[in-house]
Amino acid sequence: MKNYEFIHSTHLDVLREIGNIGAGHAATSLSALLGRKIEMTIPEATVIPFDELPDRMGGSENEIAAIFTPVTGDTPGSVYFFSDVTQSNAVIQQLTHPLSEATHQDLAAQYGQSAFLEAGNIVIGSYLSAFADLTGLQVTRGVPDLSIDMAGAIISHGLSRLLIQSDVAICIDTHMRIDGETATRNFGSILLLFDPDSFNVLFKALGVEIDE
């Protein structure tokens, strides 16, 4: 299995900066969509065992709404945009208020999920576009998939392809929230996972040396 002992603080700093720029573009897109100012945390970049990844989503049993998009191209990987169900509903209410009347609950639920999927797709697209512009690498996002389930189940689905290659991942995650909201949880987070073979390509493109 691939290990990441060659990854040190310089590499993580580079990944953190990539996450910062990508999340900045994503927050701008989300702000335009919601008509609200969006705040975001400083991204974290870390090497993390697979079994600890659900903690990044609030814990294995935390019910979340997540949009998963596979990434292909020069640096294959996966991107998640997610929030817990309560906060997802708050975002949907802002996007679909006219359809959220009690007499149209079924339609509102269907329309709300479509709206959340589209919002997440826009956020992920902005994130990856910034990543491609910064690195000069070609990346292509796959068809986004919306899941509403416990975090442990959702992350397991996305990692199934990587389990034969490694038992740890390098992730970049960022949390966002609507400016002025009193919610205790962040409503939207982005988690970017790279495939193990992506790092040589990525760091070479950025001019960062790797000692394997």
Foldseek 3Di string as FASTA:
>chain_A
DDDDPLDDDVNQVVVQVLQVQLQVQLQVLLCVQLVFHKDKDRKGKDKFFLVCVLVVQVHQQQWKKKKKKWKDFLWTWIKIKMFGPVLLVVSLCSNPVVQVDPVNPVVSVVVSVVVSNVSVVSSVVSSVVSSCVVLVTDMDIHDIDIDTGGSNVVSCVRCVVQPVPDRIWIKMKMFMATPPDPDPTTNIMMIITTRPVNVVVRCVSVVHDTDD
